[in-house]
Amino acid sequence: MKGPIDASRFGPWAVVTGASSGIGREIARGAAASGLNVALVARRVARLDELGRELATRFGVSYRAVQADLSVPEGVAAVLEATSALDVGLFVGNAGFANPGELWRLERGELLRAVHLKIDANLMLVHHFAPALVARGRGGILLTSSIGGLNGVPYVSNTAALEAYVLTLGEGLHVELARHGVRVTTLMPGPTLTESMAKMGVEPAQMPVKPMSAERVALEGLRALQANRATHIAGRLNRIMSRLMPRSLATRLTGAMIGKAFAKPGLAASAPARLPEARRATVQNLQAPPTADTVRSDQS
């Protein structure tokens, strides 16, 4: 099986954050199928070991399972230490999680953990791996944002704002690093069948666009990196809608859809009862044994 990316350009090692489930797990599979060894980063180390063994058996690659919670400062240090001896040709910043609900009702600490995960951790890891990529004159960075980063999204306002940061960071780096032979692509999934969608309380059957599989999204992202695209919106229909729909309309429509699950009595009579439940699910996820799970994507 020929993988979606060129191992001679992006190997020998790929570091993938949020690798225990969803899009991150499938990106790791795609990298391994291409012949890259993989350093798998997340909180749930048992899942990483399971995935690593599968990839080693199936594709003959090496793996490292790196237990790290990137929503706290110590997490980045753990990744740097675990990968210090590896020749890393590809960094994938995929970890993330949602802050669903009305922002003013949410725990401030929970919001700040999301900020550290999507902004601080991505910035520090990109800043760490980029010099070696520049020195070797090849390699790549794949960042997972979201189409939610293209406009404000009510009831996940903090999450959408963080995805916007990742998008603009990637767009700038695509130009900055191009002259050094380093490719940078920002992947923007739309609705995707992951653990995070279930945590958001959104029913796939009720969505205006059929959610994509994590495998399909990951494959499109890796192919976009191989093609050296600055950004890539996963899914043809998502790409069409993002071009045609005004930002203000996109904000209102997503707010109406998500509001049915979170916090606005006018949109759904059950919202007040469901908000605390959604918040508890998010907090329990953050306190769960080591790994990382996202919104679209997952701190998996």
Protein backbone atom coordinates (compact mmCIF):
# COMPACT_ATOMS: atom_id res chain seq x y z
CA MET A 1 0.00 0.00 0.00
CA LYS A 2 1.40 3.35 -1.08
CA GLY A 3 0.89 6.05 1.51
CA PRO A 4 -0.27 9.62 0.84
CA ILE A 5 3.03 11.38 1.58
CA ASP A 6 6.66 11.01 0.50
CA ALA A 7 8.80 9.42 3.21
CA SER A 8 12.00 10.78 1.65
CA ARG A 9 10.70 14.31 2.17
CA PHE A 10 8.83 13.97 5.46
CA GLY A 11 10.62 11.09 7.21
CA PRO A 12 12.07 9.37 9.01
CA TRP A 13 9.93 10.33 12.05
CA ALA A 14 6.56 12.05 12.39
CA VAL A 15 5.34 13.49 15.69
CA VAL A 16 1.53 13.46 15.90
CA THR A 17 -0.34 15.11 18.77
CA GLY A 18 -3.88 14.08 19.62
CA ALA A 19 -3.10 10.63 18.22
CA SER A 20 -5.24 8.39 20.40
CA SER A 21 -8.49 8.87 18.47
CA GLY A 22 -10.26 10.60 15.63
CA ILE A 23 -8.39 12.58 13.01
CA GLY A 24 -5.04 12.37 14.81
CA ARG A 25 -5.21 8.58 14.93
CA GLU A 26 -5.95 8.44 11.21
CA ILE A 27 -3.16 10.90 10.35
CA ALA A 28 -0.76 8.64 12.25
CA ARG A 29 -2.02 5.68 10.21
CA GLY A 30 -1.48 7.60 6.99
CA ALA A 31 2.04 8.60 7.99
CA ALA A 32 2.91 5.01 8.91
CA ALA A 33 1.42 3.74 5.63
CA SER A 34 3.82 6.13 3.90
CA GLY A 35 6.78 4.52 5.71
CA LEU A 36 7.31 7.08 8.48
CA ASN A 37 8.05 6.06 12.04
CA VAL A 38 5.59 7.71 14.41
CA ALA A 39 5.83 9.36 17.83
CA LEU A 40 2.26 9.26 19.10
CA VAL A 41 1.32 11.95 21.63
CA ALA A 42 -1.79 12.02 23.83
CA ARG A 43 -2.97 11.49 27.40
CA ARG A 44 -4.37 7.97 26.99
CA VAL A 45 -1.15 6.02 26.66
CA ALA A 46 -2.83 2.60 26.48
CA ARG A 47 -4.56 3.68 23.28
CA LEU A 48 -1.26 4.95 21.89
CA ASP A 49 0.46 1.64 22.59
CA GLU A 50 -2.39 -0.24 20.94
CA LEU A 51 -2.17 1.96 17.85
CA GLY A 52 1.63 1.80 17.77
CA ARG A 53 1.65 -1.99 17.85
CA GLU A 54 -0.91 -2.08 15.05
CA LEU A 55 1.15 0.27 12.87
CA ALA A 56 4.41 -1.58 13.58
CA THR A 57 2.85 -4.90 12.61
CA ARG A 58 1.00 -3.63 9.57
CA PHE A 59 3.57 -1.26 8.08
CA GLY A 60 6.88 -2.31 9.63
CA VAL A 61 7.55 1.07 11.22
CA SER A 62 8.85 2.01 14.66
CA TYR A 63 6.76 3.93 17.16
CA ARG A 64 6.95 5.76 20.47
CA ALA A 65 3.97 6.33 22.73
CA VAL A 66 4.36 9.67 24.45
CA GLN A 67 2.01 10.30 27.35
CA ALA A 68 1.49 14.06 27.60
CA ASP A 69 -1.32 16.44 28.47
CA LEU A 70 -0.71 19.44 26.24
CA SER A 71 -3.34 21.50 28.03
CA VAL A 72 -0.81 22.08 30.84
CA PRO A 73 2.74 23.50 30.54
CA GLU A 74 4.42 20.26 31.58
CA GLY A 75 2.98 18.48 28.56
CA VAL A 76 5.16 20.24 26.01
CA ALA A 77 8.30 19.47 28.03
CA ALA A 78 7.36 15.78 28.01
CA VAL A 79 7.10 15.79 24.21
CA LEU A 80 10.44 17.55 23.78
CA GLU A 81 12.18 15.09 26.06
CA ALA A 82 10.63 12.01 24.47
CA THR A 83 11.51 13.10 20.92
CA SER A 84 14.92 14.68 21.54
CA ALA A 85 16.86 11.82 19.92
CA LEU A 86 14.55 11.44 16.91
CA ASP A 87 15.15 12.80 13.40
CA VAL A 88 11.76 14.45 13.01
CA GLY A 89 10.72 15.35 9.48
CA LEU A 90 7.04 15.98 10.12
CA PHE A 91 5.23 17.65 13.00
CA VAL A 92 1.44 17.27 13.16
CA GLY A 93 -0.29 19.61 15.62
CA ASN A 94 -3.70 18.01 15.89
CA ALA A 95 -4.63 17.98 19.59
CA GLY A 96 -7.64 19.96 20.74
CA PHE A 97 -10.93 19.84 22.63
CA ALA A 98 -14.15 21.83 22.65
CA ASN A 99 -15.52 24.27 25.23
CA PRO A 100 -19.25 23.84 24.49
CA GLY A 101 -21.84 26.06 26.12
CA GLU A 102 -22.40 29.73 26.79
CA LEU A 103 -18.93 31.15 27.40
CA TRP A 104 -19.88 33.16 30.49
CA ARG A 105 -21.13 29.99 32.20
CA LEU A 106 -17.98 27.95 31.61
CA GLU A 107 -15.13 27.41 34.06
CA ARG A 108 -12.39 29.92 33.36
CA GLY A 109 -9.72 27.31 34.04
CA GLU A 110 -11.30 25.04 31.43
CA LEU A 111 -11.19 27.84 28.85
CA LEU A 112 -7.54 28.58 29.63
CA ARG A 113 -6.58 24.91 29.30
CA ALA A 114 -8.01 24.98 25.79
CA VAL A 115 -5.99 28.12 25.06
CA HIS A 116 -2.81 26.42 26.24
CA LEU A 117 -3.54 23.34 24.15
CA LYS A 118 -4.33 25.06 20.86
CA ILE A 119 -2.18 28.19 21.06
CA ASP A 120 0.71 27.73 23.49
CA ALA A 121 1.44 24.08 22.73
CA ASN A 122 1.24 24.47 18.95
CA LEU A 123 3.39 27.60 19.06
CA MET A 124 6.05 26.02 21.28
CA LEU A 125 6.20 22.76 19.35
CA VAL A 126 6.35 24.47 15.96
CA HIS A 127 9.07 26.79 17.29
CA HIS A 128 10.98 23.74 18.56
CA PHE A 129 10.80 21.55 15.45
CA ALA A 130 11.07 24.24 12.75
CA PRO A 131 14.82 24.98 13.09
CA ALA A 132 15.78 21.36 12.42
CA LEU A 133 13.44 21.20 9.44
CA VAL A 134 14.97 24.39 8.04
CA ALA A 135 18.50 23.03 8.59
CA ARG A 136 17.75 19.86 6.64
CA GLY A 137 15.96 21.79 3.89
CA ARG A 138 12.91 19.52 3.80
CA GLY A 139 10.06 18.27 5.93
CA GLY A 140 6.67 19.54 6.90
CA ILE A 141 4.20 20.84 9.46
CA LEU A 142 0.52 19.90 9.37
CA LEU A 143 -1.77 21.87 11.69
CA THR A 144 -5.39 20.90 12.30
CA SER A 145 -7.73 23.87 12.59
CA SER A 146 -11.43 23.79 11.63
CA ILE A 147 -13.87 25.50 9.32
CA GLY A 148 -15.13 26.94 12.60
CA GLY A 149 -12.00 29.09 12.55
CA LEU A 150 -13.33 30.97 9.51
CA ASN A 151 -16.02 32.76 11.52
CA GLY A 152 -17.42 33.07 15.02
CA VAL A 153 -19.35 30.02 16.25
CA PRO A 154 -21.85 30.62 19.09
CA TYR A 155 -21.78 28.16 22.00
CA VAL A 156 -18.21 27.16 21.12
CA SER A 157 -16.95 30.74 20.87
CA ASN A 158 -13.61 30.09 22.56
CA THR A 159 -13.00 26.98 20.48
CA ALA A 160 -13.66 28.78 17.19
CA ALA A 161 -11.39 31.65 18.20
CA LEU A 162 -8.57 29.22 18.95
CA GLU A 163 -9.04 27.48 15.61
CA ALA A 164 -8.71 30.90 13.94
CA TYR A 165 -5.31 31.32 15.60
CA VAL A 166 -4.11 27.97 14.29
CA LEU A 167 -5.32 28.85 10.79
CA THR A 168 -3.55 32.20 10.63
CA LEU A 169 -0.38 30.76 12.20
CA GLY A 170 -0.26 28.07 9.53
CA GLU A 171 -0.94 30.50 6.67
CA GLY A 172 1.94 32.71 7.75
CA LEU A 173 4.34 29.81 8.25
CA HIS A 174 3.48 28.40 4.83
CA VAL A 175 5.09 31.47 3.26
CA GLU A 176 7.88 31.91 5.83
CA LEU A 177 9.20 28.36 5.57
CA ALA A 178 8.65 27.77 1.85
CA ARG A 179 12.02 29.22 0.85
CA HIS A 180 13.69 26.78 3.24
CA GLY A 181 12.06 23.75 1.60
CA VAL A 182 9.62 23.14 4.48
CA ARG A 183 5.95 22.61 3.65
CA VAL A 184 3.22 23.87 5.96
CA THR A 185 -0.46 23.02 5.54
CA THR A 186 -3.43 23.86 7.72
CA LEU A 187 -6.24 21.31 7.60
CA MET A 188 -9.78 22.60 8.24
CA PRO A 189 -12.26 19.80 8.87
CA GLY A 190 -15.98 20.39 8.95
CA PRO A 191 -18.33 18.13 10.91
CA THR A 192 -16.45 14.88 11.50
CA LEU A 193 -17.48 11.62 13.16
CA THR A 194 -15.23 11.69 16.22
CA GLU A 195 -15.59 11.34 19.98
CA SER A 196 -15.82 15.10 20.19
CA MET A 197 -18.97 15.26 18.09
CA ALA A 198 -20.69 12.99 20.60
CA LYS A 199 -19.49 15.19 23.47
CA MET A 200 -20.89 18.27 21.72
CA GLY A 201 -24.38 16.78 21.83
CA VAL A 202 -24.95 17.36 18.10
CA GLU A 203 -26.86 14.62 16.28
CA PRO A 204 -25.21 13.75 12.92
CA ALA A 205 -28.59 13.01 11.33
CA GLN A 206 -29.78 16.53 12.13
CA MET A 207 -26.83 18.30 10.53
CA PRO A 208 -27.24 20.10 7.18
CA VAL A 209 -24.07 18.44 5.89
CA LYS A 210 -23.33 14.77 6.40
CA PRO A 211 -20.33 14.42 8.74
CA MET A 212 -17.16 13.01 7.21
CA SER A 213 -15.21 10.07 8.56
CA ALA A 214 -11.98 10.84 10.41
CA GLU A 215 -10.13 8.60 7.94
CA ARG A 216 -11.28 10.64 4.96
CA VAL A 217 -10.41 13.94 6.62
CA ALA A 218 -6.93 12.72 7.56
CA LEU A 219 -6.25 11.42 4.06
CA GLU A 220 -7.25 14.74 2.51
CA GLY A 221 -5.01 16.59 4.96
CA LEU A 222 -1.96 14.47 4.19
CA ARG A 223 -2.54 14.75 0.44
CA ALA A 224 -2.83 18.53 0.79
CA LEU A 225 0.51 18.57 2.62
CA GLN A 226 2.09 16.45 -0.12
CA ALA A 227 0.72 18.92 -2.69
CA ASN A 228 2.10 21.84 -0.62
CA ARG A 229 -1.24 23.60 -0.20
CA ALA A 230 -1.34 26.39 2.38
CA THR A 231 -4.82 25.42 3.57
CA HIS A 232 -7.30 22.67 2.86
CA ILE A 233 -10.99 22.47 3.79
CA ALA A 234 -11.92 18.80 4.01
CA GLY A 235 -14.91 17.78 1.91
CA ARG A 236 -16.05 19.20 -1.41
CA LEU A 237 -19.41 20.40 -0.08
CA ASN A 238 -17.69 22.09 2.89
CA ARG A 239 -15.40 23.91 0.46
CA ILE A 240 -18.32 25.11 -1.65
CA MET A 241 -20.31 26.30 1.36
CA SER A 242 -17.35 28.12 2.85
CA ARG A 243 -16.90 30.07 -0.39
CA LEU A 244 -20.55 30.95 -0.91
CA MET A 245 -21.85 31.56 2.61
CA PRO A 246 -21.27 35.01 4.18
CA ARG A 247 -19.54 34.88 7.55
CA SER A 248 -22.48 36.44 9.37
CA LEU A 249 -24.86 33.82 7.97
CA ALA A 250 -22.46 30.99 8.85
CA THR A 251 -22.32 32.28 12.42
CA ARG A 252 -26.11 32.45 12.74
CA LEU A 253 -26.68 29.00 11.23
CA THR A 254 -24.05 27.24 13.34
CA GLY A 255 -25.32 29.06 16.40
CA ALA A 256 -28.86 27.82 15.76
CA MET A 257 -27.66 24.25 15.24
CA ILE A 258 -25.34 24.05 18.25
CA GLY A 259 -27.73 26.06 20.38
CA LYS A 260 -30.19 23.18 20.22
CA ALA A 261 -27.75 21.19 22.31
CA PHE A 262 -26.31 23.99 24.47
CA ALA A 263 -27.70 26.75 26.58
CA LYS A 264 -30.34 28.73 24.73
CA PRO A 265 -33.92 28.09 25.87
CA GLY A 266 -35.30 29.91 22.82
CA LEU A 267 -33.73 27.34 20.53
CA ALA A 268 -34.44 24.21 22.55
CA ALA A 269 -36.54 23.74 25.64
CA SER A 270 -34.16 21.06 26.87
CA ALA A 271 -31.07 23.27 26.65
CA PRO A 272 -30.95 24.41 30.30
CA ALA A 273 -30.99 20.80 31.52
CA ARG A 274 -28.39 19.69 29.01
CA LEU A 275 -25.85 22.44 29.58
CA PRO A 276 -24.60 21.20 32.98
CA GLU A 277 -24.43 17.67 31.57
CA ALA A 278 -22.34 18.86 28.64
CA ARG A 279 -20.05 20.79 30.96
CA ARG A 280 -19.57 17.77 33.22
CA ALA A 281 -18.66 15.63 30.21
CA THR A 282 -16.04 18.15 29.14
CA VAL A 283 -14.51 18.46 32.61
CA GLN A 284 -14.47 14.68 33.10
CA ASN A 285 -12.69 14.33 29.77
CA LEU A 286 -10.03 16.81 30.81
CA GLN A 287 -9.47 14.96 34.08
CA ALA A 288 -9.43 11.51 32.50
CA PRO A 289 -6.23 9.43 32.50
CA PRO A 290 -3.56 10.77 30.14
CA THR A 291 -4.15 11.41 26.39
CA ALA A 292 -6.00 14.05 24.39
CA ASP A 293 -9.33 14.47 22.55
CA THR A 294 -10.61 17.21 20.16
CA VAL A 295 -13.58 19.03 18.80
CA ARG A 296 -13.29 18.24 15.35
CA SER A 297 -10.08 16.92 15.89
CA ASP A 298 -9.21 15.72 19.41
CA GLN A 299 -6.62 16.21 22.05
CA SER A 300 -6.81 12.50 21.72
